[in-house]
């Protein structure tokens, strides 16, 4: 149910909850699991066993915590590499950098 502030109000069982807001279905298609985690007194969190098994995480596995405008996301290094590569796909950063440097040089020459 949509709350008065436009957010989602969590009433009833989360397991039987269906997305009331259009677009949340996309969120649930993208998310393969939600795991409640509690931070301990030293800032430590335990990754749930089901998730550790599914991702083949072992003691000492490197994880990356990303602070995004939408919230905090915890990913493996391989997942992070895939996310970054996906964001950069189709971009030609070298050409953009060269064009930027040429504009700067032209501005300096004109001055």
C-alpha atoms as a PDB file:
ATOM      1  CA  UNK A   1       0.000   0.000   0.000  1.00  0.00           C
ATOM      2  CA  UNK A   2       1.292   3.459  -0.840  1.00  0.00           C
ATOM      3  CA  UNK A   3       1.821   5.635   2.213  1.00  0.00           C
ATOM      4  CA  UNK A   4       0.739   9.245   2.627  1.00  0.00           C
ATOM      5  CA  UNK A   5       4.280  10.429   1.891  1.00  0.00           C
ATOM      6  CA  UNK A   6       4.405   8.474  -1.400  1.00  0.00           C
ATOM      7  CA  UNK A   7       6.470   5.694   0.126  1.00  0.00           C
ATOM      8  CA  UNK A   8       5.506   2.133   0.741  1.00  0.00           C
ATOM      9  CA  UNK A   9       3.924   1.252   4.054  1.00  0.00           C
ATOM     10  CA  UNK A  10       4.743  -2.251   5.155  1.00  0.00           C
ATOM     11  CA  UNK A  11       1.574  -3.776   6.548  1.00  0.00           C
ATOM     12  CA  UNK A  12       0.916  -7.474   6.768  1.00  0.00           C
ATOM     13  CA  UNK A  13       3.289 -10.212   5.807  1.00  0.00           C
ATOM     14  CA  UNK A  14       6.282  -9.253   3.691  1.00  0.00           C
ATOM     15  CA  UNK A  15       6.224 -12.738   2.152  1.00  0.00           C
ATOM     16  CA  UNK A  16       2.728 -12.156   0.727  1.00  0.00           C
ATOM     17  CA  UNK A  17       3.367  -8.549  -0.245  1.00  0.00           C
ATOM     18  CA  UNK A  18       3.056  -7.613  -3.919  1.00  0.00           C
ATOM     19  CA  UNK A  19       4.339  -4.331  -5.368  1.00  0.00           C
ATOM     20  CA  UNK A  20       1.510  -1.762  -5.334  1.00  0.00           C
ATOM     21  CA  UNK A  21       3.497   0.887  -7.176  1.00  0.00           C
ATOM     22  CA  UNK A  22       4.141   0.483 -10.887  1.00  0.00           C
ATOM     23  CA  UNK A  23       7.874   0.035 -11.410  1.00  0.00           C
ATOM     24  CA  UNK A  24       8.444  -1.904  -8.214  1.00  0.00           C
ATOM     25  CA  UNK A  25       7.884  -5.096 -10.217  1.00  0.00           C
ATOM     26  CA  UNK A  26      11.081  -4.185 -12.067  1.00  0.00           C
ATOM     27  CA  UNK A  27      12.821  -3.848  -8.712  1.00  0.00           C
ATOM     28  CA  UNK A  28      11.709  -7.297  -7.639  1.00  0.00           C
ATOM     29  CA  UNK A  29      12.716  -8.772 -11.006  1.00  0.00           C
ATOM     30  CA  UNK A  30      16.183  -7.288 -10.491  1.00  0.00           C
ATOM     31  CA  UNK A  31      16.522  -8.322  -6.861  1.00  0.00           C
ATOM     32  CA  UNK A  32      17.018 -12.021  -6.300  1.00  0.00           C
ATOM     33  CA  UNK A  33      16.753 -11.889  -2.530  1.00  0.00           C
ATOM     34  CA  UNK A  34      16.371  -9.613   0.438  1.00  0.00           C
ATOM     35  CA  UNK A  35      18.220 -10.482   3.620  1.00  0.00           C
ATOM     36  CA  UNK A  36      17.731  -8.603   6.881  1.00  0.00           C
ATOM     37  CA  UNK A  37      21.055  -7.898   8.564  1.00  0.00           C
ATOM     38  CA  UNK A  38      21.787  -6.318  11.948  1.00  0.00           C
ATOM     39  CA  UNK A  39      24.990  -4.405  12.599  1.00  0.00           C
ATOM     40  CA  UNK A  40      26.821  -5.437  15.744  1.00  0.00           C
ATOM     41  CA  UNK A  41      28.392  -3.139  18.324  1.00  0.00           C
ATOM     42  CA  UNK A  42      31.706  -3.074  16.427  1.00  0.00           C
ATOM     43  CA  UNK A  43      30.066  -2.329  13.070  1.00  0.00           C
ATOM     44  CA  UNK A  44      30.244  -5.949  11.950  1.00  0.00           C
ATOM     45  CA  UNK A  45      27.525  -7.608   9.928  1.00  0.00           C
ATOM     46  CA  UNK A  46      26.979 -11.281   9.206  1.00  0.00           C
ATOM     47  CA  UNK A  47      26.235 -12.282   5.616  1.00  0.00           C
ATOM     48  CA  UNK A  48      23.384 -14.821   5.830  1.00  0.00           C
ATOM     49  CA  UNK A  49      24.389 -18.448   5.168  1.00  0.00           C
ATOM     50  CA  UNK A  50      21.993 -18.827   2.213  1.00  0.00           C
ATOM     51  CA  UNK A  51      23.604 -15.852   0.462  1.00  0.00           C
ATOM     52  CA  UNK A  52      27.150 -17.014   1.284  1.00  0.00           C
ATOM     53  CA  UNK A  53      26.375 -20.411  -0.229  1.00  0.00           C
ATOM     54  CA  UNK A  54      24.688 -18.981  -3.326  1.00  0.00           C
ATOM     55  CA  UNK A  55      27.598 -16.608  -4.012  1.00  0.00           C
ATOM     56  CA  UNK A  56      30.261 -19.096  -2.877  1.00  0.00           C
ATOM     57  CA  UNK A  57      31.594 -16.628  -0.305  1.00  0.00           C
ATOM     58  CA  UNK A  58      34.265 -17.875   2.071  1.00  0.00           C
ATOM     59  CA  UNK A  59      35.951 -16.304   5.079  1.00  0.00           C
ATOM     60  CA  UNK A  60      38.160 -13.549   3.692  1.00  0.00           C
ATOM     61  CA  UNK A  61      36.116 -13.059   0.498  1.00  0.00           C
ATOM     62  CA  UNK A  62      36.477  -9.455  -0.678  1.00  0.00           C
ATOM     63  CA  UNK A  63      33.231  -7.490  -0.775  1.00  0.00           C
ATOM     64  CA  UNK A  64      32.576  -3.869  -1.745  1.00  0.00           C
ATOM     65  CA  UNK A  65      29.993  -1.692   0.000  1.00  0.00           C
ATOM     66  CA  UNK A  66      28.721   1.039  -2.332  1.00  0.00           C
ATOM     67  CA  UNK A  67      26.840   4.084  -1.048  1.00  0.00           C
ATOM     68  CA  UNK A  68      24.358   5.085  -3.774  1.00  0.00           C
ATOM     69  CA  UNK A  69      21.563   7.663  -3.809  1.00  0.00           C
ATOM     70  CA  UNK A  70      19.139   4.729  -3.675  1.00  0.00           C
ATOM     71  CA  UNK A  71      20.840   3.106  -0.678  1.00  0.00           C
ATOM     72  CA  UNK A  72      23.790   0.964   0.313  1.00  0.00           C
ATOM     73  CA  UNK A  73      24.624  -2.011  -1.899  1.00  0.00           C
ATOM     74  CA  UNK A  74      26.952  -4.868  -0.977  1.00  0.00           C
ATOM     75  CA  UNK A  75      28.598  -6.603  -3.953  1.00  0.00           C
ATOM     76  CA  UNK A  76      31.482  -8.946  -4.629  1.00  0.00           C
ATOM     77  CA  UNK A  77      34.489  -7.594  -6.499  1.00  0.00           C
ATOM     78  CA  UNK A  78      33.442  -9.507  -9.629  1.00  0.00           C
ATOM     79  CA  UNK A  79      29.939  -8.040  -9.413  1.00  0.00           C
ATOM     80  CA  UNK A  80      31.453  -4.565  -8.997  1.00  0.00           C
ATOM     81  CA  UNK A  81      33.651  -5.066 -12.070  1.00  0.00           C
ATOM     82  CA  UNK A  82      30.592  -6.091 -14.089  1.00  0.00           C
ATOM     83  CA  UNK A  83      28.619  -3.054 -12.883  1.00  0.00           C
ATOM     84  CA  UNK A  84      31.430  -0.649 -13.772  1.00  0.00           C
ATOM     85  CA  UNK A  85      32.045  -2.270 -17.153  1.00  0.00           C
ATOM     86  CA  UNK A  86      28.333  -2.097 -17.904  1.00  0.00           C
ATOM     87  CA  UNK A  87      28.243   1.623 -17.073  1.00  0.00           C
ATOM     88  CA  UNK A  88      31.308   2.310 -19.228  1.00  0.00           C
ATOM     89  CA  UNK A  89      30.226   0.162 -22.169  1.00  0.00           C
ATOM     90  CA  UNK A  90      29.849   2.193 -25.325  1.00  0.00           C
ATOM     91  CA  UNK A  91      31.854   5.123 -23.970  1.00  0.00           C
ATOM     92  CA  UNK A  92      35.110   6.104 -25.580  1.00  0.00           C
ATOM     93  CA  UNK A  93      36.868   7.732 -22.659  1.00  0.00           C
ATOM     94  CA  UNK A  94      40.137   8.240 -24.540  1.00  0.00           C
ATOM     95  CA  UNK A  95      38.445  10.263 -27.308  1.00  0.00           C
ATOM     96  CA  UNK A  96      36.535  12.288 -24.701  1.00  0.00           C
ATOM     97  CA  UNK A  97      39.752  13.019 -22.801  1.00  0.00           C
ATOM     98  CA  UNK A  98      41.596  14.017 -25.973  1.00  0.00           C
ATOM     99  CA  UNK A  99      38.750  16.308 -27.065  1.00  0.00           C
ATOM    100  CA  UNK A 100      38.718  17.914 -23.621  1.00  0.00           C
ATOM    101  CA  UNK A 101      42.488  18.464 -23.699  1.00  0.00           C
ATOM    102  CA  UNK A 102      42.244  19.980 -27.192  1.00  0.00           C
ATOM    103  CA  UNK A 103      39.539  22.401 -26.011  1.00  0.00           C
ATOM    104  CA  UNK A 104      41.728  23.393 -23.050  1.00  0.00           C
ATOM    105  CA  UNK A 105      44.741  23.904 -25.298  1.00  0.00           C
ATOM    106  CA  UNK A 106      42.699  26.022 -27.720  1.00  0.00           C
ATOM    107  CA  UNK A 107      41.406  28.132 -24.833  1.00  0.00           C
ATOM    108  CA  UNK A 108      44.959  28.644 -23.548  1.00  0.00           C
ATOM    109  CA  UNK A 109      46.189  29.587 -27.028  1.00  0.00           C
ATOM    110  CA  UNK A 110      43.353  32.102 -27.415  1.00  0.00           C
ATOM    111  CA  UNK A 111      44.207  33.728 -24.076  1.00  0.00           C
END
